[in-house]
Amino acid sequence: MNAPHIASKNALDRRHFLRGAGASMLSLPFLDAMIPAFAQGAATDESPRRFVAMCATLGFHTPFLFPQQTGRDYEMTPYLAKLKDHRDNLTVLSGLSHPSQQGNNGHASEMTWLTSAQRPGLAGFKNLISLDQVIADKVGIETRYPFLALGTSSRSMSWTSTGVEIPAESSPAKLFKALFVDGTEAEIAQEMRDLKRGRSILDTVLGEAKKLETELGHRDKEKLEEYLTSVRDLEVRLQQSEGWAVKPKPQVDAEVPRDVQDRNDAIAKQRVMNDLILLAFQNDSTRAVTFQLGGMNAVPSNIPGVQTDWHNLSHHGKDPKKIDELKIIEEAEFDVLNEFLTKLSGIQENGKSLLDHTAVLYGSNLGNASSHSPKNVPLVLAGGGFKHGQHLNSTIDEKTETPLSNLFVTLAQRMGVETDAFGSSSSAGIPGLELA
């Protein structure tokens, strides 16, 4: 065992280290925030592959989703009946969960649905990189935006390689402007100046770090190298962004959407954001999207028959009246999903539908929201060129489920990521899930 490093000098002043860059309060999260979320590149595939993950954080009542039968001859459940037109282009997945998801509160597994990090929110917790970011690292250079992190609130499912949450965009109007409205000459010039200044700061940070490296022990060198890897990644993205800043954005035959003014109209929020995801994919503005569908401690608006606050209904305790109301809300969510899949199916691209080129993962981090259980999470996978039309139950035995991360390996591979593992995966894929 190596002898522990014993500091023999005064502690380094982080502000002093970065003051020469002209940014005395600079830190890695700030550096992340400096970067516009797009990269430079030209699409080389006329039919690029896309990925979108949607997570409903208050869960779904799984008896209304999971069929009793596995395979292709399953009987439709109430929620799947909403998707009946897409039965042959979707797979129902049961028996999947991340291990060790009991965190500091019953909803902590929201943070780890796309990462699989364990013990969320507890002492010593550090999140892992989310699946969309792994995909963005691979294909993001091809589009203006390497990824879009969206939500009905600012909470996000996207996490960097250093475990930092990427805030979600919740304003459809702002998203539309970012995607399709060109800035003025003055705005573009300012953006270019900001990008060049960002590169200048990073150059200074890297230079100072090289001087510092000789003064550090082994463990501190490892931490510094992790930091510098992030800085180098940012440097590459800044270079890519300079090219996109002066390129015209795609023109679309659509008006700027209005943000939903009623904070409790969750269904309207989902519908308008889904339409923007569709436009972003159709114009190849991005190929990786996350969309967190947050619940609320209020009665959702414009859903006839619902009079109880949503969070309360999710903790139904098997009360039939609460379950009946909850079903109305969740059926409305599946109606919106059906609309999204139908629109993807209706857009032709190189002889196939946009849905054929887009893997849509729809589900939740909670298998039983009433008890906050993160086991046997509800999942539907649609499109993406898989052999669909089936229900796959991956439960190994009565007490053992298959890691959800096994599915993530397949999804990453489909997007061109060369890997045979992700997070807590135990194998590369889900038995029975194959590409067409």
Protein backbone atom coordinates (compact mmCIF):
# COMPACT_ATOMS: atom_id res chain seq x y z
CA MET A 1 0.00 0.00 0.00
CA ASN A 2 1.33 3.44 -0.90
CA ALA A 3 2.06 5.82 1.93
CA PRO A 4 -0.61 8.49 2.31
CA HIS A 5 0.24 11.90 0.95
CA ILE A 6 0.89 14.40 3.76
CA ALA A 7 0.43 18.04 2.85
CA SER A 8 3.50 20.10 3.67
CA LYS A 9 2.32 23.41 2.19
CA ASN A 10 -0.50 25.81 2.86
CA ALA A 11 -3.86 24.89 1.39
CA LEU A 12 -4.28 26.10 -2.20
CA ASP A 13 -6.64 29.02 -2.67
CA ARG A 14 -9.08 27.98 -5.40
CA ARG A 15 -9.93 31.59 -6.18
CA HIS A 16 -6.26 32.50 -6.45
CA PHE A 17 -5.69 29.61 -8.84
CA LEU A 18 -8.37 30.89 -11.21
CA ARG A 19 -7.97 34.64 -10.71
CA GLY A 20 -5.53 34.90 -13.58
CA ALA A 21 -8.27 33.77 -15.94
CA GLY A 22 -10.28 36.88 -15.12
CA ALA A 23 -12.98 34.85 -13.41
CA SER A 24 -12.31 34.68 -9.70
CA MET A 25 -15.50 32.75 -8.94
CA LEU A 26 -15.09 30.20 -11.74
CA SER A 27 -15.91 26.56 -10.96
CA LEU A 28 -16.66 23.54 -13.06
CA PRO A 29 -20.46 23.89 -12.88
CA PHE A 30 -20.09 27.48 -14.07
CA LEU A 31 -17.96 26.29 -16.94
CA ASP A 32 -20.70 23.86 -17.90
CA ALA A 33 -23.20 26.70 -17.83
CA MET A 34 -21.02 28.86 -20.09
CA ILE A 35 -21.58 26.55 -23.01
CA PRO A 36 -24.54 26.86 -25.31
CA ALA A 37 -26.03 23.38 -25.56
CA PHE A 38 -25.06 22.69 -29.15
CA ALA A 39 -22.12 21.38 -31.12
CA GLN A 40 -20.90 21.73 -34.69
CA GLY A 41 -21.11 19.07 -37.31
CA ALA A 42 -22.93 17.90 -40.39
CA ALA A 43 -25.26 14.96 -40.49
CA THR A 44 -23.77 12.19 -42.58
CA ASP A 45 -26.73 9.80 -42.35
CA GLU A 46 -29.93 10.76 -44.16
CA SER A 47 -31.86 8.78 -41.56
CA PRO A 48 -30.14 9.42 -38.23
CA ARG A 49 -31.12 7.49 -35.13
CA ARG A 50 -32.76 9.38 -32.31
CA PHE A 51 -33.50 8.70 -28.65
CA VAL A 52 -36.00 10.24 -26.24
CA ALA A 53 -36.64 9.21 -22.63
CA MET A 54 -39.76 10.38 -20.80
CA CYS A 55 -40.15 9.79 -17.06
CA ALA A 56 -43.41 10.32 -15.17
CA THR A 57 -42.12 10.85 -11.65
CA LEU A 58 -45.38 9.96 -9.84
CA GLY A 59 -45.40 6.55 -11.49
CA PHE A 60 -48.21 4.58 -13.11
CA HIS A 61 -50.59 2.11 -11.53
CA THR A 62 -48.95 -0.97 -13.04
CA PRO A 63 -52.00 -3.32 -12.90
CA PHE A 64 -53.46 -1.02 -15.57
CA LEU A 65 -50.27 -1.27 -17.66
CA PHE A 66 -48.60 -4.67 -17.37
CA PRO A 67 -50.40 -7.53 -19.15
CA GLN A 68 -50.87 -10.84 -17.36
CA GLN A 69 -49.43 -12.68 -20.35
CA THR A 70 -45.92 -12.40 -21.77
CA GLY A 71 -44.96 -12.73 -25.41
CA ARG A 72 -46.92 -11.48 -28.39
CA ASP A 73 -50.41 -12.72 -27.54
CA TYR A 74 -50.96 -10.60 -24.45
CA GLU A 75 -54.36 -9.07 -23.69
CA MET A 76 -54.52 -5.29 -23.79
CA THR A 77 -54.65 -3.46 -20.46
CA PRO A 78 -56.43 -0.11 -19.97
CA TYR A 79 -53.28 1.96 -20.54
CA LEU A 80 -52.03 -0.15 -23.46
CA ALA A 81 -55.48 0.17 -25.04
CA LYS A 82 -54.66 3.86 -25.45
CA LEU A 83 -51.71 2.79 -27.63
CA LYS A 84 -53.55 0.05 -29.55
CA ASP A 85 -52.74 1.57 -32.94
CA HIS A 86 -49.04 1.17 -32.16
CA ARG A 87 -49.14 -2.32 -30.65
CA ASP A 88 -46.87 -3.73 -33.35
CA ASN A 89 -44.35 -0.95 -32.82
CA LEU A 90 -43.91 -1.08 -29.05
CA THR A 91 -42.67 -3.46 -26.37
CA VAL A 92 -43.93 -3.56 -22.78
CA LEU A 93 -41.07 -4.20 -20.35
CA SER A 94 -41.60 -5.49 -16.80
CA GLY A 95 -39.32 -6.96 -14.15
CA LEU A 96 -36.66 -4.22 -14.41
CA SER A 97 -35.24 -1.97 -11.70
CA HIS A 98 -32.04 -0.34 -10.51
CA PRO A 99 -30.44 -1.88 -7.39
CA SER A 100 -30.13 0.00 -4.08
CA GLN A 101 -32.52 2.86 -4.85
CA GLN A 102 -33.79 3.53 -1.33
CA GLY A 103 -32.54 7.07 -0.82
CA ASN A 104 -33.07 10.04 1.44
CA ASN A 105 -36.76 10.26 0.47
CA GLY A 106 -39.34 8.24 -1.41
CA HIS A 107 -38.87 10.18 -4.63
CA ALA A 108 -35.05 10.27 -4.66
CA SER A 109 -34.90 7.67 -7.44
CA GLU A 110 -36.01 10.44 -9.83
CA MET A 111 -32.36 11.46 -9.85
CA THR A 112 -31.09 8.08 -10.94
CA TRP A 113 -33.62 6.79 -13.49
CA LEU A 114 -31.16 7.33 -16.34
CA THR A 115 -27.95 6.86 -14.33
CA SER A 116 -28.47 3.85 -11.96
CA ALA A 117 -26.35 5.46 -9.21
CA GLN A 118 -27.12 3.87 -5.86
CA ARG A 119 -28.41 5.29 -2.55
CA PRO A 120 -29.66 8.56 -4.09
CA GLY A 121 -29.44 11.54 -1.79
CA LEU A 122 -27.82 9.72 1.11
CA ALA A 123 -24.47 10.63 2.64
CA GLY A 124 -21.66 10.19 0.14
CA PHE A 125 -23.98 9.97 -2.84
CA LYS A 126 -22.57 11.09 -6.16
CA ASN A 127 -24.57 10.63 -9.31
CA LEU A 128 -23.29 8.97 -12.46
CA ILE A 129 -23.53 10.14 -16.05
CA SER A 130 -27.00 9.75 -17.52
CA LEU A 131 -27.71 7.64 -20.58
CA ASP A 132 -28.60 10.63 -22.77
CA GLN A 133 -25.23 12.23 -22.03
CA VAL A 134 -23.38 9.07 -23.04
CA ILE A 135 -25.34 9.17 -26.29
CA ALA A 136 -24.72 12.90 -26.73
CA ASP A 137 -20.98 12.38 -26.33
CA LYS A 138 -21.17 9.99 -29.28
CA VAL A 139 -23.58 11.66 -31.70
CA GLY A 140 -23.92 15.23 -30.41
CA ILE A 141 -21.29 16.62 -32.75
CA GLU A 142 -23.64 15.97 -35.66
CA THR A 143 -26.32 18.45 -34.54
CA ARG A 144 -26.67 22.01 -33.30
CA TYR A 145 -27.70 20.71 -29.89
CA PRO A 146 -25.94 17.55 -28.60
CA PHE A 147 -28.98 16.98 -26.35
CA LEU A 148 -32.10 18.62 -25.00
CA ALA A 149 -32.91 18.32 -21.31
CA LEU A 150 -36.59 19.19 -20.89
CA GLY A 151 -39.13 19.07 -18.11
CA THR A 152 -42.48 20.33 -16.90
CA SER A 153 -40.34 22.03 -14.22
CA SER A 154 -36.63 22.83 -13.97
CA ARG A 155 -35.87 19.37 -12.55
CA SER A 156 -33.99 17.17 -14.95
CA MET A 157 -33.03 13.57 -15.66
CA SER A 158 -29.74 14.60 -17.32
CA TRP A 159 -26.47 14.40 -15.37
CA THR A 160 -22.90 15.12 -16.46
CA SER A 161 -19.99 12.71 -16.18
CA THR A 162 -19.05 14.44 -12.92
CA GLY A 163 -22.51 13.95 -11.40
CA VAL A 164 -23.82 17.49 -11.91
CA GLU A 165 -27.51 17.92 -12.74
CA ILE A 166 -28.21 19.70 -16.04
CA PRO A 167 -31.20 22.01 -15.50
CA ALA A 168 -34.21 21.27 -17.67
CA GLU A 169 -35.86 23.77 -20.00
CA SER A 170 -39.54 24.02 -19.14
CA SER A 171 -40.57 26.90 -21.39
CA PRO A 172 -41.76 25.81 -24.85
CA ALA A 173 -41.46 29.40 -26.08
CA LYS A 174 -37.79 29.64 -25.06
CA LEU A 175 -37.09 26.21 -26.53
CA PHE A 176 -38.70 27.16 -29.84
CA LYS A 177 -36.61 30.33 -30.02
CA ALA A 178 -33.43 28.39 -29.29
CA LEU A 179 -34.25 25.83 -31.96
CA PHE A 180 -35.69 27.92 -34.77
CA VAL A 181 -35.30 31.69 -34.30
CA ASP A 182 -32.05 33.25 -35.53
CA GLY A 183 -30.50 35.95 -33.40
CA THR A 184 -29.78 39.44 -34.65
CA GLU A 185 -26.32 40.29 -35.98
CA ALA A 186 -25.53 41.94 -32.65
CA GLU A 187 -26.70 38.88 -30.68
CA ILE A 188 -24.65 36.52 -32.85
CA ALA A 189 -21.58 38.75 -32.49
CA GLN A 190 -22.02 38.78 -28.71
CA GLU A 191 -22.40 35.00 -28.68
CA MET A 192 -19.15 34.64 -30.63
CA ARG A 193 -17.36 36.95 -28.18
CA ASP A 194 -18.68 34.91 -25.26
CA LEU A 195 -17.53 31.68 -26.89
CA LYS A 196 -14.06 33.04 -27.59
CA ARG A 197 -13.80 34.39 -24.05
CA GLY A 198 -14.82 30.98 -22.77
CA ARG A 199 -12.00 29.36 -24.73
CA SER A 200 -9.56 31.96 -23.38
CA ILE A 201 -10.57 31.16 -19.81
CA LEU A 202 -10.16 27.44 -20.42
CA ASP A 203 -6.71 27.97 -21.92
CA THR A 204 -5.66 29.82 -18.78
CA VAL A 205 -7.18 27.17 -16.51
CA LEU A 206 -5.31 24.40 -18.33
CA GLY A 207 -2.05 26.32 -18.14
CA GLU A 208 -2.36 26.96 -14.43
CA ALA A 209 -3.35 23.35 -13.82
CA LYS A 210 -0.14 22.07 -15.43
CA LYS A 211 1.88 24.20 -13.03
CA LEU A 212 -0.15 22.93 -10.09
CA GLU A 213 0.13 19.24 -11.00
CA THR A 214 3.74 18.88 -9.82
CA GLU A 215 2.74 19.97 -6.30
CA LEU A 216 0.01 17.39 -5.74
CA GLY A 217 -0.12 13.94 -4.24
CA HIS A 218 -1.53 10.89 -6.01
CA ARG A 219 -5.16 11.28 -4.93
CA ASP A 220 -5.24 14.99 -5.69
CA LYS A 221 -3.72 14.33 -9.11
CA GLU A 222 -6.56 11.93 -9.87
CA LYS A 223 -9.14 14.54 -8.86
CA LEU A 224 -7.39 17.18 -10.92
CA GLU A 225 -7.25 14.92 -13.96
CA GLU A 226 -10.99 14.30 -13.67
CA TYR A 227 -11.52 18.04 -13.58
CA LEU A 228 -9.21 18.66 -16.53
CA THR A 229 -10.94 16.00 -18.59
CA SER A 230 -14.16 17.94 -18.16
CA VAL A 231 -12.37 21.17 -19.10
CA ARG A 232 -10.97 19.59 -22.27
CA ASP A 233 -14.44 18.34 -23.20
CA LEU A 234 -15.79 21.85 -22.75
CA GLU A 235 -13.01 23.24 -24.90
CA VAL A 236 -13.99 20.94 -27.75
CA ARG A 237 -17.64 21.91 -27.44
CA LEU A 238 -16.78 25.60 -27.48
CA GLN A 239 -14.87 25.12 -30.72
CA GLN A 240 -17.81 23.29 -32.23
CA SER A 241 -20.25 25.93 -31.03
CA GLU A 242 -18.45 28.71 -32.87
CA GLY A 243 -19.38 27.09 -36.17
CA TRP A 244 -23.05 26.66 -35.28
CA ALA A 245 -23.38 30.22 -33.97
CA VAL A 246 -23.14 31.69 -37.49
CA LYS A 247 -25.21 29.02 -39.27
CA PRO A 248 -28.88 29.81 -39.95
CA LYS A 249 -31.36 27.77 -37.93
CA PRO A 250 -33.91 25.60 -39.74
CA GLN A 251 -37.11 27.29 -40.84
CA VAL A 252 -40.35 25.64 -39.70
CA ASP A 253 -43.95 26.23 -40.63
CA ALA A 254 -45.05 26.70 -37.04
CA GLU A 255 -45.76 29.61 -34.74
CA VAL A 256 -43.93 30.24 -31.52
CA PRO A 257 -45.87 28.23 -28.92
CA ARG A 258 -47.32 29.91 -25.88
CA ASP A 259 -46.19 28.69 -22.52
CA VAL A 260 -49.01 27.03 -20.59
CA GLN A 261 -50.11 29.65 -18.09
CA ASP A 262 -52.01 27.26 -15.83
CA ARG A 263 -49.28 25.68 -13.70
CA ASN A 264 -51.57 22.74 -12.93
CA ASP A 265 -52.37 21.86 -16.55
CA ALA A 266 -49.84 19.02 -16.73
CA ILE A 267 -51.37 17.38 -19.80
CA ALA A 268 -51.21 20.59 -21.86
CA LYS A 269 -47.55 21.03 -20.83
CA GLN A 270 -46.71 17.52 -22.01
CA ARG A 271 -48.55 17.95 -25.30
CA VAL A 272 -46.88 21.21 -26.35
CA MET A 273 -43.39 20.02 -25.40
CA ASN A 274 -43.92 16.76 -27.30
CA ASP A 275 -44.67 18.80 -30.42
CA LEU A 276 -41.36 20.64 -30.03
CA ILE A 277 -39.46 17.38 -29.57
CA LEU A 278 -41.05 16.21 -32.80
CA LEU A 279 -39.94 19.37 -34.62
CA ALA A 280 -36.42 19.11 -33.20
CA PHE A 281 -36.08 15.53 -34.46
CA GLN A 282 -37.69 16.29 -37.80
CA ASN A 283 -35.18 19.08 -38.45
CA ASP A 284 -32.24 17.14 -36.97
CA SER A 285 -31.57 19.84 -34.38
CA THR A 286 -30.75 17.14 -31.84
CA ARG A 287 -30.81 13.35 -31.53
CA ALA A 288 -31.00 12.88 -27.75
CA VAL A 289 -33.81 14.22 -25.56
CA THR A 290 -34.94 13.72 -21.96
CA PHE A 291 -38.32 14.92 -20.74
CA GLN A 292 -39.21 14.72 -17.05
CA LEU A 293 -42.97 14.67 -16.49
CA GLY A 294 -43.30 15.94 -12.95
CA GLY A 295 -46.40 15.41 -10.87
CA MET A 296 -47.82 17.91 -8.40
CA ASN A 297 -49.35 18.41 -4.99
CA ALA A 298 -52.46 19.85 -6.61
CA VAL A 299 -55.49 18.84 -8.65
CA PRO A 300 -54.44 18.71 -12.31
CA SER A 301 -56.47 21.09 -14.44
CA ASN A 302 -58.75 20.26 -17.36
CA ILE A 303 -59.16 16.56 -16.56
CA PRO A 304 -62.87 15.91 -15.99
CA GLY A 305 -63.63 13.60 -13.08
CA VAL A 306 -60.48 14.45 -11.07
CA GLN A 307 -61.05 16.36 -7.82
CA THR A 308 -58.15 15.18 -5.64
CA ASP A 309 -54.55 16.32 -5.74
CA TRP A 310 -52.35 14.10 -7.87
CA HIS A 311 -49.69 13.28 -5.28
CA ASN A 312 -52.37 12.22 -2.82
CA LEU A 313 -53.91 9.95 -5.47
CA SER A 314 -50.56 8.34 -6.22
CA HIS A 315 -50.47 7.29 -2.54
CA HIS A 316 -53.81 5.58 -2.89
CA GLY A 317 -53.22 2.81 -0.34
CA LYS A 318 -55.39 0.56 -2.56
CA ASP A 319 -58.40 2.82 -2.03
CA PRO A 320 -60.64 2.02 -5.05
CA LYS A 321 -62.01 5.57 -5.29
CA LYS A 322 -58.51 7.06 -5.40
CA ILE A 323 -57.37 4.49 -7.94
CA ASP A 324 -60.33 5.35 -10.17
CA GLU A 325 -59.37 9.05 -10.13
CA LEU A 326 -55.70 8.23 -10.63
CA LYS A 327 -56.61 6.12 -13.65
CA ILE A 328 -58.25 9.12 -15.30
CA ILE A 329 -55.04 11.16 -15.00
CA GLU A 330 -52.78 8.37 -16.18
CA GLU A 331 -55.02 7.51 -19.11
CA ALA A 332 -54.73 11.16 -20.15
CA GLU A 333 -50.95 10.81 -20.04
CA PHE A 334 -51.10 7.76 -22.28
CA ASP A 335 -53.42 9.64 -24.63
CA VAL A 336 -50.69 12.26 -25.05
CA LEU A 337 -48.08 9.54 -25.61
CA ASN A 338 -50.32 8.00 -28.26
CA GLU A 339 -50.59 11.38 -30.02
CA PHE A 340 -46.80 11.68 -30.01
CA LEU A 341 -46.25 8.20 -31.44
CA THR A 342 -48.93 8.83 -34.08
CA LYS A 343 -47.24 12.03 -35.21
CA LEU A 344 -43.84 10.30 -35.36
CA SER A 345 -45.42 7.52 -37.41
CA GLY A 346 -46.95 10.01 -39.82
CA ILE A 347 -43.66 11.61 -40.84
CA GLN A 348 -41.83 9.75 -43.58
CA GLU A 349 -38.07 9.83 -43.78
CA ASN A 350 -36.10 7.91 -46.36
CA GLY A 351 -38.76 5.27 -46.87
CA LYS A 352 -39.59 4.73 -43.19
CA SER A 353 -41.39 6.65 -40.49
CA LEU A 354 -39.68 8.96 -38.04
CA LEU A 355 -40.83 6.55 -35.33
CA ASP A 356 -38.80 3.78 -36.98
CA HIS A 357 -35.74 5.97 -36.49
CA THR A 358 -36.62 7.11 -32.96
CA ALA A 359 -36.42 4.99 -29.81
CA VAL A 360 -39.03 6.29 -27.36
CA LEU A 361 -38.58 5.12 -23.75
CA TYR A 362 -41.61 5.98 -21.62
CA GLY A 363 -41.99 5.03 -17.98
CA SER A 364 -41.24 5.93 -14.38
CA ASN A 365 -38.68 5.57 -11.62
CA LEU A 366 -41.42 4.21 -9.31
CA GLY A 367 -42.87 0.75 -9.70
CA ASN A 368 -45.38 1.35 -6.91
CA ALA A 369 -45.79 5.03 -6.17
CA SER A 370 -48.13 4.32 -3.27
CA SER A 371 -45.26 2.71 -1.34
CA HIS A 372 -42.45 4.59 -3.11
CA SER A 373 -41.12 1.27 -4.39
CA PRO A 374 -38.50 1.58 -7.15
CA LYS A 375 -38.95 -2.10 -8.06
CA ASN A 376 -40.49 -3.41 -11.29
CA VAL A 377 -40.72 0.02 -12.87
CA PRO A 378 -43.32 0.59 -15.63
CA LEU A 379 -41.74 0.85 -19.08
CA VAL A 380 -42.84 1.03 -22.69
CA LEU A 381 -40.29 1.12 -25.50
CA ALA A 382 -41.62 2.23 -28.88
CA GLY A 383 -40.04 2.62 -32.31
CA GLY A 384 -36.32 2.69 -32.90
CA GLY A 385 -36.16 -0.25 -35.27
CA PHE A 386 -36.70 -3.02 -32.70
CA LYS A 387 -38.77 -6.19 -33.10
CA HIS A 388 -41.83 -5.07 -31.19
CA GLY A 389 -45.34 -6.30 -30.48
CA GLN A 390 -44.56 -8.12 -27.25
CA HIS A 391 -44.48 -8.06 -23.47
CA LEU A 392 -41.10 -9.02 -22.01
CA ASN A 393 -40.96 -9.89 -18.31
CA SER A 394 -37.35 -9.92 -17.10
CA THR A 395 -38.06 -11.06 -13.53
CA ILE A 396 -35.55 -13.78 -12.68
CA ASP A 397 -37.50 -15.17 -9.72
CA GLU A 398 -40.04 -13.88 -7.19
CA LYS A 399 -37.43 -11.72 -5.46
CA THR A 400 -34.93 -10.98 -8.21
CA GLU A 401 -35.33 -8.51 -11.03
CA THR A 402 -33.04 -7.66 -13.92
CA PRO A 403 -31.09 -4.38 -13.81
CA LEU A 404 -32.76 -1.65 -15.86
CA SER A 405 -29.26 -0.69 -16.99
CA ASN A 406 -29.16 -3.83 -19.14
CA LEU A 407 -31.73 -2.11 -21.35
CA PHE A 408 -29.60 1.04 -21.39
CA VAL A 409 -26.70 -0.90 -22.89
CA THR A 410 -28.90 -1.90 -25.84
CA LEU A 411 -30.20 1.64 -26.29
CA ALA A 412 -26.68 3.09 -26.19
CA GLN A 413 -25.41 0.53 -28.67
CA ARG A 414 -28.27 1.31 -31.02
CA MET A 415 -27.13 4.95 -31.01
CA GLY A 416 -23.61 3.95 -31.98
CA VAL A 417 -21.98 3.87 -28.55
CA GLU A 418 -19.43 1.07 -28.37
CA THR A 419 -20.04 -0.41 -24.93
CA ASP A 420 -21.13 -3.62 -23.29
CA ALA A 421 -21.89 -2.11 -19.87
CA PHE A 422 -23.67 0.83 -18.30
CA GLY A 423 -24.02 1.69 -14.62
CA SER A 424 -25.26 -1.34 -12.68
CA SER A 425 -25.82 -3.55 -15.74
CA SER A 426 -25.23 -7.27 -15.41
CA SER A 427 -25.36 -8.05 -19.13
CA ALA A 428 -25.57 -6.28 -22.46
CA GLY A 429 -29.26 -6.32 -23.25
CA ILE A 430 -32.69 -7.72 -22.41
CA PRO A 431 -33.51 -11.26 -23.58
CA GLY A 432 -36.04 -11.10 -26.37
CA LEU A 433 -35.40 -7.46 -27.32
CA GLU A 434 -33.75 -7.43 -30.72
CA LEU A 435 -33.33 -5.08 -33.64
CA ALA A 436 -35.54 -5.73 -36.65
